[in-house]
């Protein structure tokens, strides 16, 4: 069983924030309404519900995770291109990136305790 990242000293789960260490620096990610709209357009989904469903059913692609984390970085106030993130060193590697993406998406649409439960469920799917 994989654990979902809990709130760090840097983040506020009530705002939907998730911390990810990129290039040895903690970055607080958050999905703002603008970041969500750009994410929806970039992934060419009919709605964000489709992205949530892909996450919940374990059909989250690497492209989904990269786009989600890039949107979260933007919402957190960072200028980080997807290409730069793809080449960056993420502490914990792809597993940590996927966990952070699932938690970020879950926290954007639920209350703090419920979001971590939802993200855990998404990670446990086959």
C-alpha atoms as a PDB file:
ATOM      1  CA  UNK A   1       0.000   0.000   0.000  1.00  0.00           C
ATOM      2  CA  UNK A   2       1.282   3.448  -0.888  1.00  0.00           C
ATOM      3  CA  UNK A   3       0.716   6.392   1.369  1.00  0.00           C
ATOM      4  CA  UNK A   4      -0.755   9.665   0.230  1.00  0.00           C
ATOM      5  CA  UNK A   5       1.370  12.665   1.068  1.00  0.00           C
ATOM      6  CA  UNK A   6      -0.019  14.376   4.134  1.00  0.00           C
ATOM      7  CA  UNK A   7       0.067  18.109   4.588  1.00  0.00           C
ATOM      8  CA  UNK A   8       3.609  19.409   5.009  1.00  0.00           C
ATOM      9  CA  UNK A   9       4.682  22.452   6.959  1.00  0.00           C
ATOM     10  CA  UNK A  10       4.554  24.409   3.690  1.00  0.00           C
ATOM     11  CA  UNK A  11       1.009  23.697   2.556  1.00  0.00           C
ATOM     12  CA  UNK A  12      -2.544  24.525   3.522  1.00  0.00           C
ATOM     13  CA  UNK A  13      -4.848  21.595   2.656  1.00  0.00           C
ATOM     14  CA  UNK A  14      -7.912  23.853   3.078  1.00  0.00           C
ATOM     15  CA  UNK A  15      -6.696  25.694  -0.036  1.00  0.00           C
ATOM     16  CA  UNK A  16      -6.088  22.394  -1.855  1.00  0.00           C
ATOM     17  CA  UNK A  17      -2.313  22.709  -1.631  1.00  0.00           C
ATOM     18  CA  UNK A  18       0.164  19.861  -2.100  1.00  0.00           C
ATOM     19  CA  UNK A  19       3.940  20.060  -1.670  1.00  0.00           C
ATOM     20  CA  UNK A  20       6.302  18.460  -4.171  1.00  0.00           C
ATOM     21  CA  UNK A  21      10.091  18.647  -3.942  1.00  0.00           C
ATOM     22  CA  UNK A  22      11.483  19.572  -7.356  1.00  0.00           C
ATOM     23  CA  UNK A  23      15.216  20.033  -7.921  1.00  0.00           C
ATOM     24  CA  UNK A  24      15.712  19.784  -4.152  1.00  0.00           C
ATOM     25  CA  UNK A  25      13.313  22.680  -3.397  1.00  0.00           C
ATOM     26  CA  UNK A  26       9.804  22.322  -1.993  1.00  0.00           C
ATOM     27  CA  UNK A  27       7.105  23.762  -4.244  1.00  0.00           C
ATOM     28  CA  UNK A  28       3.521  24.266  -3.079  1.00  0.00           C
ATOM     29  CA  UNK A  29       1.089  23.329  -5.856  1.00  0.00           C
ATOM     30  CA  UNK A  30      -2.542  24.438  -6.015  1.00  0.00           C
ATOM     31  CA  UNK A  31      -5.223  24.198  -8.657  1.00  0.00           C
ATOM     32  CA  UNK A  32      -6.788  27.615  -9.132  1.00  0.00           C
ATOM     33  CA  UNK A  33      -9.842  28.056 -11.342  1.00  0.00           C
ATOM     34  CA  UNK A  34      -7.651  29.461 -14.124  1.00  0.00           C
ATOM     35  CA  UNK A  35      -5.198  26.571 -13.841  1.00  0.00           C
ATOM     36  CA  UNK A  36      -8.093  24.098 -13.946  1.00  0.00           C
ATOM     37  CA  UNK A  37      -9.513  25.742 -17.086  1.00  0.00           C
ATOM     38  CA  UNK A  38      -6.149  25.586 -18.862  1.00  0.00           C
ATOM     39  CA  UNK A  39      -5.683  21.982 -17.724  1.00  0.00           C
ATOM     40  CA  UNK A  40      -9.088  21.018 -19.112  1.00  0.00           C
ATOM     41  CA  UNK A  41      -8.233  22.675 -22.442  1.00  0.00           C
ATOM     42  CA  UNK A  42      -4.724  21.196 -22.608  1.00  0.00           C
ATOM     43  CA  UNK A  43      -5.908  17.641 -21.969  1.00  0.00           C
ATOM     44  CA  UNK A  44      -8.846  18.092 -24.352  1.00  0.00           C
ATOM     45  CA  UNK A  45     -11.252  16.545 -21.879  1.00  0.00           C
ATOM     46  CA  UNK A  46     -14.930  17.282 -22.050  1.00  0.00           C
ATOM     47  CA  UNK A  47     -14.762  18.185 -18.372  1.00  0.00           C
ATOM     48  CA  UNK A  48     -12.551  17.843 -15.358  1.00  0.00           C
ATOM     49  CA  UNK A  49     -14.845  15.038 -14.228  1.00  0.00           C
ATOM     50  CA  UNK A  50     -13.222  12.896 -16.956  1.00  0.00           C
ATOM     51  CA  UNK A  51      -9.783  13.587 -15.492  1.00  0.00           C
ATOM     52  CA  UNK A  52     -11.028  12.747 -11.993  1.00  0.00           C
ATOM     53  CA  UNK A  53     -12.554   9.504 -13.323  1.00  0.00           C
ATOM     54  CA  UNK A  54      -9.266   8.544 -14.998  1.00  0.00           C
ATOM     55  CA  UNK A  55      -7.508   9.136 -11.695  1.00  0.00           C
ATOM     56  CA  UNK A  56     -10.071   7.128  -9.720  1.00  0.00           C
ATOM     57  CA  UNK A  57      -9.938   4.171 -12.104  1.00  0.00           C
ATOM     58  CA  UNK A  58      -6.138   4.061 -12.285  1.00  0.00           C
ATOM     59  CA  UNK A  59      -6.066   5.210 -15.920  1.00  0.00           C
ATOM     60  CA  UNK A  60      -3.982   8.288 -15.156  1.00  0.00           C
ATOM     61  CA  UNK A  61      -1.323   8.694 -17.853  1.00  0.00           C
ATOM     62  CA  UNK A  62       2.121  10.241 -17.504  1.00  0.00           C
ATOM     63  CA  UNK A  63       0.837  13.071 -19.717  1.00  0.00           C
ATOM     64  CA  UNK A  64      -2.056  13.620 -17.295  1.00  0.00           C
ATOM     65  CA  UNK A  65       0.315  13.765 -14.325  1.00  0.00           C
ATOM     66  CA  UNK A  66       2.713  16.147 -16.064  1.00  0.00           C
ATOM     67  CA  UNK A  67      -0.115  18.476 -17.113  1.00  0.00           C
ATOM     68  CA  UNK A  68      -1.694  18.325 -13.662  1.00  0.00           C
ATOM     69  CA  UNK A  69       1.558  19.110 -11.850  1.00  0.00           C
ATOM     70  CA  UNK A  70       2.354  21.924 -14.287  1.00  0.00           C
ATOM     71  CA  UNK A  71      -1.100  23.419 -13.654  1.00  0.00           C
ATOM     72  CA  UNK A  72      -0.575  23.029  -9.919  1.00  0.00           C
ATOM     73  CA  UNK A  73       2.762  24.801 -10.120  1.00  0.00           C
ATOM     74  CA  UNK A  74       1.123  27.628 -12.051  1.00  0.00           C
ATOM     75  CA  UNK A  75      -1.649  27.850  -9.452  1.00  0.00           C
ATOM     76  CA  UNK A  76       1.001  27.929  -6.744  1.00  0.00           C
ATOM     77  CA  UNK A  77       2.632  30.936  -8.379  1.00  0.00           C
ATOM     78  CA  UNK A  78       5.531  29.247 -10.153  1.00  0.00           C
ATOM     79  CA  UNK A  79       6.481  29.608 -13.792  1.00  0.00           C
ATOM     80  CA  UNK A  80       7.458  26.062 -14.732  1.00  0.00           C
ATOM     81  CA  UNK A  81       7.031  24.785 -18.287  1.00  0.00           C
ATOM     82  CA  UNK A  82       5.975  21.161 -18.750  1.00  0.00           C
ATOM     83  CA  UNK A  83       9.213  20.496 -20.638  1.00  0.00           C
ATOM     84  CA  UNK A  84      11.249  21.765 -17.679  1.00  0.00           C
ATOM     85  CA  UNK A  85       9.229  19.694 -15.231  1.00  0.00           C
ATOM     86  CA  UNK A  86       9.721  16.599 -17.407  1.00  0.00           C
ATOM     87  CA  UNK A  87      13.505  17.035 -17.069  1.00  0.00           C
ATOM     88  CA  UNK A  88      13.486  18.043 -13.395  1.00  0.00           C
ATOM     89  CA  UNK A  89      14.518  15.875 -10.479  1.00  0.00           C
ATOM     90  CA  UNK A  90      11.429  15.051  -8.452  1.00  0.00           C
ATOM     91  CA  UNK A  91      12.166  13.774  -4.978  1.00  0.00           C
ATOM     92  CA  UNK A  92      10.612  10.305  -4.840  1.00  0.00           C
ATOM     93  CA  UNK A  93      10.513   9.994  -8.624  1.00  0.00           C
ATOM     94  CA  UNK A  94       7.507   9.086 -10.712  1.00  0.00           C
ATOM     95  CA  UNK A  95       5.695   7.488  -7.775  1.00  0.00           C
ATOM     96  CA  UNK A  96       5.880  10.715  -5.739  1.00  0.00           C
ATOM     97  CA  UNK A  97       4.784  12.709  -8.788  1.00  0.00           C
ATOM     98  CA  UNK A  98       1.759  10.438  -9.304  1.00  0.00           C
ATOM     99  CA  UNK A  99       0.856  10.599  -5.602  1.00  0.00           C
ATOM    100  CA  UNK A 100       1.136  14.392  -5.593  1.00  0.00           C
ATOM    101  CA  UNK A 101      -1.005  14.615  -8.730  1.00  0.00           C
ATOM    102  CA  UNK A 102      -3.711  12.383  -7.256  1.00  0.00           C
ATOM    103  CA  UNK A 103      -3.692  14.328  -3.975  1.00  0.00           C
ATOM    104  CA  UNK A 104      -3.751  17.656  -5.822  1.00  0.00           C
ATOM    105  CA  UNK A 105      -6.749  16.649  -7.889  1.00  0.00           C
ATOM    106  CA  UNK A 106      -8.573  15.167  -4.896  1.00  0.00           C
ATOM    107  CA  UNK A 107      -7.904  18.208  -2.712  1.00  0.00           C
ATOM    108  CA  UNK A 108      -9.170  20.566  -5.390  1.00  0.00           C
ATOM    109  CA  UNK A 109     -12.634  19.004  -5.134  1.00  0.00           C
ATOM    110  CA  UNK A 110     -13.054  17.970  -1.486  1.00  0.00           C
ATOM    111  CA  UNK A 111     -12.365  18.877   2.124  1.00  0.00           C
ATOM    112  CA  UNK A 112      -8.892  18.112   3.556  1.00  0.00           C
ATOM    113  CA  UNK A 113      -9.515  14.744   5.301  1.00  0.00           C
ATOM    114  CA  UNK A 114     -11.803  13.492   2.543  1.00  0.00           C
ATOM    115  CA  UNK A 115      -9.283  14.414  -0.164  1.00  0.00           C
ATOM    116  CA  UNK A 116      -6.514  12.265   1.256  1.00  0.00           C
ATOM    117  CA  UNK A 117      -8.930   9.313   1.474  1.00  0.00           C
ATOM    118  CA  UNK A 118      -9.966   9.860  -2.162  1.00  0.00           C
ATOM    119  CA  UNK A 119      -6.360  10.100  -3.340  1.00  0.00           C
ATOM    120  CA  UNK A 120      -5.463   6.911  -1.426  1.00  0.00           C
ATOM    121  CA  UNK A 121      -8.347   5.054  -3.083  1.00  0.00           C
ATOM    122  CA  UNK A 122      -7.215   6.228  -6.527  1.00  0.00           C
ATOM    123  CA  UNK A 123      -3.682   4.966  -5.879  1.00  0.00           C
ATOM    124  CA  UNK A 124      -4.884   1.554  -4.756  1.00  0.00           C
ATOM    125  CA  UNK A 125      -6.793   0.867  -8.006  1.00  0.00           C
ATOM    126  CA  UNK A 126      -5.226  -1.862 -10.211  1.00  0.00           C
END
